[in-house]
Amino acid sequence: MDKMFTICCFFLGCFALIRSGLSAQDDIISFLPGLPHQPMFRQYSGYLKAQGTKKFHYWFVESQNNPKSDPVVLWLNGGPGCSSLDGFLSEHGPFLVNSDGKTLHYNPYSWNKVANMLYLESPAGVGFSYSDDKNYTTDDDTVSMDNYVALLAFFVKFPQFKNNPFFVTGESYGGVYVPTLSYRILQGNSTINMKGFAVGNGLLSYVENFNSLVYFGYYHGLFGDEHWHQLQKLCCVDGKCLFYNKTNLPCLELTGEVLRSFTKIGLNTYGLYQNCSGLKSKDVRLFFAFKNLLTTINKKTKYFHTGKLGLTPPCLNSTAANKYLNTPSVRQAIHIPTMLPNWTICSEVVNKNYKMVYETLSPVVLKLIQHYRGMVYNGDTDMACNFLGDQEFVESLGLKVVKERRFWKIGPQIAGFVKDFEKLSFVTIKGAGHMVPEDKPSEALKMFISFLENKPLQ
């Protein structure tokens, strides 16, 4: 990134802020409907200008501990095309939405117990974020720059936090969002006090995620020996298997048949041992982050048909969040313009018009860890972005091992496993699926604190 361009972005952000007259004070949430009592910490909701006519909606909650010195942590959900307010209201926000869609309850494991949390709805067209020109065609590089420009605008709006340690975090397609934004920050030589990044159940490599899903399926009993032995013959040489091989059509066809046998029968792709919420087996669609890769296979075989994507990822129930965020009094409280359409957890328009640029984030991550600390963590029952694929991704970086693989605990119970490399850790969370903080909130908070404080997880 050109340094002068970064400086221009910063001053444009300042100009836009002055011109609009919207300061942090204007974005304060003075009363949030549905709470049993209003919080003691400050919270804000409003807009940050990205490139062109794009406005990104943010929700910022100050730390319950010491906001003046605690880290600022950005959270990005994935998709691509899904809202970070899902992370806010369902995973690790200070209050979670109840099933009635009208009320909230306080989250004892909120990440703002120890950090100032910034939730950004990105890219434009997702959630309450929008663009005046209504052009929602985008790609990985455009989104990373939009996120960077919006982040600069955030620190213009909240200058009191510019010296706080800053971390970029996210999950799922955040495996692309987090490293690419972090690299923009590194290139930009900005005043952001960047310290590290963390990716949860991330799509860090298409090939490794795809390859590992076959192993995951077999060793979890999702298909049998007959198919497994055939796969070994068609896809493996000297014990090394490549199930996603465009030049080996028989292997690709059989792999497609095998994956279809367990990804389209009604299992919860986000948590193998969890029930599939609100969907009949025949209606189960493949997960967002894997759509393009499987579509490629579909062009060569007849085993995959993704069909209409829909606005909610398979097996997830977003009814309560939809109801709450589309309540007029809530929209007014969080300063959402009346002309915007209803909030949905994921945008079909954004996903359909999204171009995926990076097949692997290895080169980016290798550059980042020369300057920042990193963590990759996975719930071990997720099929969408399974732990075997991310484990292989981390191992393939060739980093020096600092601490060998070991278990870590919550009280007397084993919570998962961790392996520390030089400036990068790989963590698994036992029994968690794709959304780790939702499935295992206490474990997720302990892991989060350990990462922020740069202390070994044990």
Protein backbone atom coordinates (compact mmCIF):
# COMPACT_ATOMS: atom_id res chain seq x y z
CA MET A 1 0.00 0.00 0.00
CA ASP A 2 1.23 3.45 -0.86
CA LYS A 3 2.01 5.46 2.26
CA MET A 4 0.61 8.67 0.79
CA PHE A 5 -2.66 6.88 0.03
CA THR A 6 -2.92 5.84 3.67
CA ILE A 7 -2.39 9.40 4.84
CA CYS A 8 -5.03 10.57 2.37
CA CYS A 9 -7.47 7.98 3.69
CA PHE A 10 -6.91 9.24 7.22
CA PHE A 11 -7.53 12.88 6.36
CA LEU A 12 -10.53 11.99 4.20
CA GLY A 13 -11.93 10.18 7.22
CA CYS A 14 -11.41 13.30 9.32
CA PHE A 15 -13.06 15.46 6.68
CA ALA A 16 -16.05 13.17 6.35
CA LEU A 17 -16.50 13.10 10.10
CA ILE A 18 -16.38 16.90 10.43
CA ARG A 19 -18.66 17.38 7.45
CA SER A 20 -21.29 14.96 8.70
CA GLY A 21 -21.22 16.38 12.21
CA LEU A 22 -21.38 12.89 13.67
CA SER A 23 -19.07 12.46 16.62
CA ALA A 24 -18.83 9.62 19.10
CA GLN A 25 -21.19 11.59 21.33
CA ASP A 26 -23.86 11.41 18.63
CA ASP A 27 -23.51 7.61 18.50
CA ILE A 28 -24.00 6.93 22.21
CA ILE A 29 -26.74 4.39 22.97
CA SER A 30 -28.52 6.07 25.86
CA PHE A 31 -31.20 3.41 26.25
CA LEU A 32 -31.26 -0.07 24.74
CA PRO A 33 -34.67 -1.79 24.73
CA GLY A 34 -35.04 -5.27 26.17
CA LEU A 35 -32.38 -5.12 28.88
CA PRO A 36 -33.28 -5.94 32.50
CA HIS A 37 -31.25 -2.82 33.38
CA GLN A 38 -29.02 -0.49 31.42
CA PRO A 39 -25.25 -1.25 31.45
CA MET A 40 -22.66 0.56 33.52
CA PHE A 41 -20.26 0.71 30.55
CA ARG A 42 -20.65 3.03 27.58
CA GLN A 43 -21.78 1.70 24.21
CA TYR A 44 -22.06 3.29 20.79
CA SER A 45 -23.69 2.46 17.46
CA GLY A 46 -23.38 4.37 14.22
CA TYR A 47 -21.53 4.53 10.94
CA LEU A 48 -17.94 4.65 9.74
CA LYS A 49 -17.16 5.81 6.23
CA ALA A 50 -15.35 3.30 4.03
CA GLN A 51 -14.31 3.85 0.40
CA GLY A 52 -16.58 5.69 -2.00
CA THR A 53 -20.18 5.91 -0.85
CA LYS A 54 -19.97 2.95 1.56
CA LYS A 55 -21.02 3.31 5.18
CA PHE A 56 -20.20 0.52 7.60
CA HIS A 57 -22.36 0.07 10.65
CA TYR A 58 -20.48 -0.50 13.90
CA TRP A 59 -21.43 -1.32 17.49
CA PHE A 60 -18.76 -0.49 20.05
CA VAL A 61 -18.89 -1.47 23.71
CA GLU A 62 -16.31 -0.23 26.15
CA SER A 63 -14.56 -2.61 28.52
CA GLN A 64 -16.18 -3.43 31.84
CA ASN A 65 -12.71 -3.44 33.38
CA ASN A 66 -10.55 -0.43 32.49
CA PRO A 67 -11.51 1.03 29.10
CA LYS A 68 -8.73 3.60 29.17
CA SER A 69 -5.99 0.99 29.08
CA ASP A 70 -7.65 -2.27 28.00
CA PRO A 71 -7.13 -3.43 24.41
CA VAL A 72 -9.43 -2.49 21.55
CA VAL A 73 -10.50 -5.65 19.72
CA LEU A 74 -12.21 -5.69 16.34
CA TRP A 75 -14.53 -8.62 15.59
CA LEU A 76 -15.54 -9.73 12.08
CA ASN A 77 -17.97 -12.54 11.24
CA GLY A 78 -17.53 -14.27 7.92
CA GLY A 79 -19.75 -15.59 5.17
CA PRO A 80 -18.66 -13.87 3.06
CA GLY A 81 -21.73 -11.73 3.57
CA CYS A 82 -22.70 -12.43 7.19
CA SER A 83 -23.14 -9.87 9.95
CA SER A 84 -20.81 -9.36 12.91
CA LEU A 85 -23.88 -8.63 15.01
CA ASP A 86 -24.32 -12.39 15.10
CA GLY A 87 -21.09 -12.50 17.10
CA PHE A 88 -22.39 -9.64 19.22
CA LEU A 89 -25.85 -11.05 20.05
CA SER A 90 -25.13 -14.79 19.96
CA GLU A 91 -21.48 -15.35 20.84
CA HIS A 92 -19.44 -13.00 23.01
CA GLY A 93 -21.24 -9.67 23.25
CA PRO A 94 -22.15 -8.21 26.67
CA PHE A 95 -25.81 -9.13 26.18
CA LEU A 96 -27.36 -11.97 24.23
CA VAL A 97 -30.79 -12.05 22.63
CA ASN A 98 -33.45 -14.26 24.21
CA SER A 99 -35.63 -16.63 22.20
CA ASP A 100 -38.59 -14.23 22.37
CA GLY A 101 -36.73 -11.75 20.17
CA LYS A 102 -37.80 -8.95 22.49
CA THR A 103 -35.48 -9.16 25.48
CA LEU A 104 -31.78 -9.52 26.21
CA HIS A 105 -29.83 -11.07 29.05
CA TYR A 106 -26.34 -10.24 30.27
CA ASN A 107 -23.55 -12.55 29.17
CA PRO A 108 -21.26 -13.53 32.09
CA TYR A 109 -18.58 -14.54 29.58
CA SER A 110 -18.63 -11.42 27.44
CA TRP A 111 -15.33 -10.49 25.85
CA ASN A 112 -15.87 -6.89 26.91
CA LYS A 113 -15.15 -8.06 30.45
CA VAL A 114 -11.49 -7.46 29.53
CA ALA A 115 -11.49 -5.52 26.24
CA ASN A 116 -13.13 -2.70 24.35
CA MET A 117 -15.03 -4.59 21.64
CA LEU A 118 -15.73 -3.19 18.16
CA TYR A 119 -18.20 -5.11 15.98
CA LEU A 120 -18.13 -4.06 12.32
CA GLU A 121 -20.74 -5.10 9.75
CA SER A 122 -18.71 -5.68 6.60
CA PRO A 123 -18.76 -5.52 3.61
CA ALA A 124 -21.34 -2.95 2.46
CA GLY A 125 -24.72 -4.60 1.99
CA VAL A 126 -24.32 -6.78 5.09
CA GLY A 127 -26.65 -6.11 8.01
CA PHE A 128 -27.15 -2.38 8.43
CA SER A 129 -24.10 -1.42 6.33
CA TYR A 130 -24.85 0.08 2.95
CA SER A 131 -23.59 2.04 -0.04
CA ASP A 132 -25.38 5.00 -1.57
CA ASP A 133 -24.74 3.61 -5.07
CA LYS A 134 -26.17 0.19 -4.05
CA ASN A 135 -23.26 -1.57 -5.73
CA TYR A 136 -22.54 -4.63 -3.61
CA THR A 137 -20.13 -6.43 -5.94
CA THR A 138 -16.83 -6.81 -4.10
CA ASP A 139 -13.79 -9.02 -3.46
CA ASP A 140 -11.21 -9.85 -0.79
CA ASP A 141 -8.88 -6.93 -1.58
CA THR A 142 -11.64 -4.34 -1.79
CA VAL A 143 -13.12 -5.50 1.52
CA SER A 144 -9.75 -5.37 3.28
CA MET A 145 -9.25 -1.79 2.10
CA ASP A 146 -12.81 -0.82 3.07
CA ASN A 147 -12.25 -2.31 6.52
CA TYR A 148 -8.98 -0.44 6.85
CA VAL A 149 -10.49 2.92 5.85
CA ALA A 150 -13.41 2.35 8.24
CA LEU A 151 -10.96 1.48 11.01
CA LEU A 152 -9.05 4.72 10.45
CA ALA A 153 -12.38 6.54 10.70
CA PHE A 154 -13.08 4.75 13.98
CA PHE A 155 -9.90 6.07 15.57
CA VAL A 156 -10.70 9.55 14.30
CA LYS A 157 -14.07 9.27 16.00
CA PHE A 158 -12.54 7.73 19.15
CA PRO A 159 -9.05 9.28 19.42
CA GLN A 160 -8.85 8.40 23.12
CA PHE A 161 -8.32 4.74 22.12
CA LYS A 162 -5.61 5.20 19.49
CA ASN A 163 -2.80 4.24 21.89
CA ASN A 164 -4.55 1.17 23.31
CA PRO A 165 -3.24 -2.21 22.16
CA PHE A 166 -5.26 -3.26 19.12
CA PHE A 167 -6.20 -6.75 17.90
CA VAL A 168 -8.09 -7.98 14.83
CA THR A 169 -10.24 -11.08 15.40
CA GLY A 170 -12.90 -13.00 13.52
CA GLU A 171 -14.24 -16.39 12.50
CA SER A 172 -15.11 -18.47 9.43
CA TYR A 173 -14.45 -16.34 6.33
CA GLY A 174 -12.69 -14.15 8.86
CA GLY A 175 -9.84 -16.49 7.92
CA VAL A 176 -9.53 -14.16 4.92
CA TYR A 177 -10.85 -10.92 6.45
CA VAL A 178 -8.55 -10.94 9.49
CA PRO A 179 -5.15 -11.54 7.83
CA THR A 180 -5.85 -9.26 4.86
CA LEU A 181 -6.96 -6.37 7.09
CA SER A 182 -4.02 -6.96 9.43
CA TYR A 183 -1.70 -6.78 6.44
CA ARG A 184 -3.29 -3.47 5.38
CA ILE A 185 -2.52 -2.12 8.84
CA LEU A 186 1.07 -3.37 8.59
CA GLN A 187 1.53 -1.84 5.14
CA GLY A 188 -0.19 1.39 6.09
CA ASN A 189 2.34 2.32 8.75
CA SER A 190 -0.58 3.98 10.51
CA THR A 191 -0.86 5.11 14.11
CA ILE A 192 -2.89 2.01 15.00
CA ASN A 193 -1.16 0.25 17.89
CA MET A 194 -1.54 -3.20 16.33
CA LYS A 195 -0.43 -6.11 18.51
CA GLY A 196 -2.00 -9.26 17.13
CA PHE A 197 -4.69 -11.18 15.29
CA ALA A 198 -6.82 -14.25 15.97
CA VAL A 199 -8.86 -16.45 13.64
CA GLY A 200 -11.55 -18.85 14.85
CA ASN A 201 -12.58 -21.80 12.66
CA GLY A 202 -11.19 -19.89 9.72
CA LEU A 203 -11.11 -20.60 6.01
CA LEU A 204 -7.35 -20.10 5.76
CA SER A 205 -6.77 -22.52 2.88
CA TYR A 206 -9.31 -23.95 0.46
CA VAL A 207 -7.32 -27.04 -0.45
CA GLU A 208 -6.38 -27.92 3.14
CA ASN A 209 -9.94 -27.32 4.34
CA PHE A 210 -11.37 -29.46 1.55
CA ASN A 211 -8.79 -32.25 1.87
CA SER A 212 -9.20 -32.46 5.63
CA LEU A 213 -12.99 -32.64 5.44
CA VAL A 214 -12.68 -36.08 3.82
CA TYR A 215 -10.50 -37.28 6.71
CA PHE A 216 -12.85 -35.61 9.20
CA GLY A 217 -15.85 -37.37 7.69
CA TYR A 218 -14.25 -40.80 7.65
CA TYR A 219 -12.81 -40.69 11.15
CA HIS A 220 -16.12 -39.43 12.54
CA GLY A 221 -17.95 -42.36 10.97
CA LEU A 222 -19.84 -40.32 8.36
CA PHE A 223 -19.00 -42.72 5.55
CA GLY A 224 -17.68 -46.27 5.50
CA ASP A 225 -14.72 -48.38 4.45
CA GLU A 226 -16.05 -49.13 0.99
CA HIS A 227 -15.74 -45.50 -0.08
CA TRP A 228 -12.60 -44.94 1.99
CA HIS A 229 -10.71 -47.77 0.29
CA GLN A 230 -11.81 -46.52 -3.14
CA LEU A 231 -10.59 -43.01 -2.26
CA GLN A 232 -7.23 -44.43 -1.22
CA LYS A 233 -6.85 -46.11 -4.60
CA LEU A 234 -7.93 -43.13 -6.69
CA CYS A 235 -6.59 -40.15 -4.73
CA CYS A 236 -3.53 -41.28 -2.79
CA VAL A 237 0.09 -41.99 -3.74
CA ASP A 238 2.64 -43.29 -1.24
CA GLY A 239 0.33 -42.45 1.65
CA LYS A 240 -0.24 -38.84 0.52
CA CYS A 241 -3.79 -37.99 -0.51
CA LEU A 242 -5.05 -35.08 -2.60
CA PHE A 243 -8.83 -35.30 -2.74
CA TYR A 244 -9.22 -31.94 -4.47
CA ASN A 245 -7.33 -32.57 -7.69
CA LYS A 246 -8.73 -30.90 -10.78
CA THR A 247 -6.65 -33.10 -13.07
CA ASN A 248 -7.84 -36.38 -11.52
CA LEU A 249 -11.50 -36.54 -12.51
CA PRO A 250 -12.23 -40.06 -11.12
CA CYS A 251 -10.89 -38.93 -7.72
CA LEU A 252 -12.86 -35.70 -7.90
CA GLU A 253 -16.07 -37.49 -8.81
CA LEU A 254 -15.75 -40.00 -5.98
CA THR A 255 -14.81 -37.26 -3.51
CA GLY A 256 -17.89 -35.31 -4.56
CA GLU A 257 -20.09 -38.35 -4.06
CA VAL A 258 -18.60 -39.02 -0.61
CA LEU A 259 -18.90 -35.43 0.62
CA ARG A 260 -22.46 -35.22 -0.65
CA SER A 261 -23.27 -38.37 1.31
CA PHE A 262 -22.83 -36.57 4.63
CA THR A 263 -23.03 -32.83 3.95
CA LYS A 264 -26.52 -32.88 2.46
CA ILE A 265 -28.40 -35.34 4.65
CA GLY A 266 -29.38 -33.02 7.50
CA LEU A 267 -26.29 -32.99 9.72
CA ASN A 268 -25.34 -29.69 11.31
CA THR A 269 -22.29 -28.60 9.33
CA TYR A 270 -21.43 -26.05 12.03
CA GLY A 271 -21.47 -28.57 14.87
CA LEU A 272 -21.55 -32.26 14.07
CA TYR A 273 -23.13 -33.31 17.39
CA GLN A 274 -25.70 -30.51 17.47
CA ASN A 275 -29.18 -30.80 16.02
CA CYS A 276 -29.93 -29.05 12.74
CA SER A 277 -32.26 -26.22 13.70
CA GLY A 278 -35.37 -25.49 11.68
CA LEU A 279 -34.49 -27.33 8.46
CA LYS A 280 -35.67 -30.55 6.89
CA SER A 281 -33.01 -32.78 5.42
CA LYS A 282 -34.03 -32.07 1.83
CA ASP A 283 -33.63 -28.33 2.48
CA VAL A 284 -30.10 -28.42 3.84
CA ARG A 285 -27.78 -26.24 1.78
CA LEU A 286 -24.02 -26.20 1.85
CA PHE A 287 -22.27 -23.70 4.07
CA PHE A 288 -21.38 -20.25 2.72
CA ALA A 289 -17.61 -20.40 3.01
CA PHE A 290 -17.39 -23.64 1.03
CA LYS A 291 -19.87 -22.69 -1.70
CA ASN A 292 -17.42 -21.57 -4.39
CA LEU A 293 -15.09 -24.52 -3.96
CA LEU A 294 -17.91 -27.03 -4.22
CA THR A 295 -19.38 -25.17 -7.18
CA THR A 296 -16.07 -25.77 -8.95
CA ILE A 297 -16.50 -29.48 -8.36
CA ASN A 298 -20.10 -29.27 -9.55
CA LYS A 299 -18.88 -28.02 -12.93
CA LYS A 300 -16.82 -31.18 -13.35
CA THR A 301 -19.23 -33.61 -11.72
CA LYS A 302 -22.95 -33.90 -11.05
CA TYR A 303 -22.66 -34.54 -7.34
CA PHE A 304 -22.99 -31.01 -5.96
CA HIS A 305 -25.78 -28.56 -6.42
CA THR A 306 -25.71 -25.59 -4.09
CA GLY A 307 -29.09 -24.22 -5.14
CA LYS A 308 -30.47 -20.95 -3.83
CA LEU A 309 -28.25 -19.72 -1.06
CA GLY A 310 -30.84 -18.22 1.24
CA LEU A 311 -30.34 -15.61 3.95
CA THR A 312 -29.52 -17.91 6.86
CA PRO A 313 -26.65 -20.44 6.86
CA PRO A 314 -27.86 -24.04 7.18
CA CYS A 315 -28.88 -25.33 10.63
CA LEU A 316 -28.66 -21.91 12.30
CA ASN A 317 -31.70 -20.17 13.78
CA SER A 318 -31.50 -16.38 13.60
CA THR A 319 -35.21 -15.71 14.21
CA ALA A 320 -34.71 -14.03 17.60
CA ALA A 321 -31.90 -11.73 16.41
CA ASN A 322 -33.88 -10.82 13.29
CA LYS A 323 -36.92 -9.94 15.37
CA TYR A 324 -34.94 -7.91 17.90
CA LEU A 325 -32.83 -5.90 15.44
CA ASN A 326 -35.84 -5.10 13.26
CA THR A 327 -37.92 -3.76 16.15
CA PRO A 328 -38.44 -0.02 15.42
CA SER A 329 -37.46 1.07 18.93
CA VAL A 330 -34.22 -0.93 18.75
CA ARG A 331 -33.33 0.45 15.32
CA GLN A 332 -33.94 3.95 16.64
CA ALA A 333 -31.84 3.31 19.75
CA ILE A 334 -28.85 2.16 17.68
CA HIS A 335 -29.25 4.99 15.15
CA ILE A 336 -30.22 3.02 12.04
CA PRO A 337 -31.63 5.14 9.17
CA THR A 338 -35.31 4.44 8.52
CA MET A 339 -34.75 4.00 4.77
CA LEU A 340 -32.67 0.82 5.27
CA PRO A 341 -34.32 -2.59 4.77
CA ASN A 342 -34.69 -5.20 7.49
CA TRP A 343 -31.59 -6.70 9.05
CA THR A 344 -30.75 -10.28 8.08
CA ILE A 345 -27.93 -12.42 9.42
CA CYS A 346 -26.43 -12.95 5.94
CA SER A 347 -26.81 -11.16 2.61
CA GLU A 348 -27.46 -13.30 -0.44
CA VAL A 349 -26.71 -10.32 -2.70
CA VAL A 350 -23.26 -9.77 -1.18
CA ASN A 351 -22.40 -13.47 -1.16
CA LYS A 352 -23.57 -14.01 -4.73
CA ASN A 353 -21.53 -11.05 -6.01
CA TYR A 354 -18.42 -11.74 -3.94
CA LYS A 355 -15.14 -12.69 -5.66
CA MET A 356 -12.79 -14.80 -3.58
CA VAL A 357 -9.18 -13.85 -4.37
CA TYR A 358 -7.06 -15.91 -1.97
CA GLU A 359 -6.93 -19.70 -2.05
CA THR A 360 -4.47 -19.70 0.84
CA LEU A 361 -3.44 -17.08 3.36
CA SER A 362 -0.04 -18.65 4.08
CA PRO A 363 2.12 -15.88 2.52
CA VAL A 364 0.12 -13.19 4.33
CA VAL A 365 0.25 -14.91 7.72
CA LEU A 366 4.01 -15.51 7.40
CA LYS A 367 4.53 -11.78 6.85
CA LEU A 368 2.22 -10.83 9.70
CA ILE A 369 3.93 -12.95 12.37
CA GLN A 370 7.18 -11.14 11.73
CA HIS A 371 5.49 -8.18 13.41
CA TYR A 372 2.43 -9.37 15.36
CA ARG A 373 1.30 -12.27 17.55
CA GLY A 374 -1.28 -14.63 16.13
CA MET A 375 -3.68 -17.35 17.21
CA VAL A 376 -5.71 -19.87 15.20
CA TYR A 377 -8.41 -21.65 17.21
CA ASN A 378 -11.00 -24.26 16.28
CA GLY A 379 -13.98 -25.98 17.80
CA ASP A 380 -13.31 -29.63 17.06
CA THR A 381 -16.84 -30.62 15.93
CA ASP A 382 -17.13 -28.07 13.10
CA MET A 383 -17.30 -29.37 9.52
CA ALA A 384 -17.52 -26.01 7.72
CA CYS A 385 -13.94 -25.05 8.59
CA ASN A 386 -12.68 -28.10 10.42
CA PHE A 387 -9.79 -28.23 12.87
CA LEU A 388 -7.74 -30.68 10.80
CA GLY A 389 -7.52 -28.21 7.92
CA ASP A 390 -6.47 -25.28 10.11
CA GLN A 391 -4.03 -27.50 12.00
CA GLU A 392 -2.43 -28.54 8.72
CA PHE A 393 -2.35 -24.89 7.62
CA VAL A 394 -0.47 -23.84 10.76
CA GLU A 395 1.92 -26.81 10.64
CA SER A 396 2.70 -26.11 6.97
CA LEU A 397 4.06 -22.66 7.82
CA GLY A 398 7.23 -24.32 9.10
CA LEU A 399 7.48 -22.23 12.26
CA LYS A 400 9.71 -23.06 15.20
CA VAL A 401 7.85 -24.95 17.94
CA VAL A 402 8.03 -23.17 21.30
CA LYS A 403 5.79 -25.52 23.31
CA GLU A 404 4.67 -28.93 22.13
CA ARG A 405 1.04 -29.94 21.86
CA ARG A 406 -0.62 -30.31 25.28
CA PHE A 407 -4.06 -30.15 26.88
CA TRP A 408 -5.48 -27.11 28.63
CA LYS A 409 -8.23 -27.00 31.23
CA ILE A 410 -11.25 -25.20 32.62
CA GLY A 411 -11.17 -26.09 36.30
CA PRO A 412 -10.56 -29.85 36.52
CA GLN A 413 -11.89 -30.53 33.00
CA ILE A 414 -9.85 -30.72 29.81
CA ALA A 415 -11.02 -27.91 27.54
CA GLY A 416 -8.94 -28.70 24.47
CA PHE A 417 -5.40 -28.79 23.15
CA VAL A 418 -2.82 -26.17 22.27
CA LYS A 419 0.50 -26.03 20.45
CA ASP A 420 2.65 -22.90 20.54
CA PHE A 421 4.85 -21.89 17.65
CA GLU A 422 7.03 -18.82 17.45
CA LYS A 423 4.52 -15.93 17.61
CA LEU A 424 1.59 -18.18 16.61
CA SER A 425 -0.56 -20.61 18.62
CA PHE A 426 -2.97 -23.29 17.45
CA VAL A 427 -5.80 -24.07 19.88
CA THR A 428 -8.66 -26.57 19.81
CA ILE A 429 -11.76 -26.35 22.00
CA LYS A 430 -13.26 -29.72 22.88
CA GLY A 431 -16.90 -30.16 21.91
CA ALA A 432 -17.29 -26.73 20.30
CA GLY A 433 -18.50 -26.18 16.77
CA HIS A 434 -18.07 -23.32 14.31
CA MET A 435 -19.12 -20.61 16.79
CA VAL A 436 -16.79 -21.39 19.70
CA PRO A 437 -17.88 -18.57 22.10
CA GLU A 438 -21.52 -19.61 21.69
CA ASP A 439 -20.88 -23.31 22.30
CA LYS A 440 -18.17 -23.03 24.98
CA PRO A 441 -18.34 -19.50 26.42
CA SER A 442 -16.16 -19.98 29.53
CA GLU A 443 -13.47 -21.80 27.56
CA ALA A 444 -13.54 -19.12 24.86
CA LEU A 445 -13.14 -16.32 27.41
CA LYS A 446 -10.19 -18.03 29.08
CA MET A 447 -8.53 -18.53 25.70
CA PHE A 448 -9.22 -14.90 24.74
CA ILE A 449 -7.70 -13.53 27.96
CA SER A 450 -4.66 -15.75 27.60
CA PHE A 451 -4.11 -14.47 24.08
CA LEU A 452 -4.52 -10.80 24.99
CA GLU A 453 -2.13 -11.13 27.91
CA ASN A 454 0.36 -13.20 25.88
CA LYS A 455 0.39 -15.95 28.49
CA PRO A 456 0.58 -19.71 27.81
CA LEU A 457 -2.80 -21.43 27.76
CA GLN A 458 -2.87 -24.18 30.35
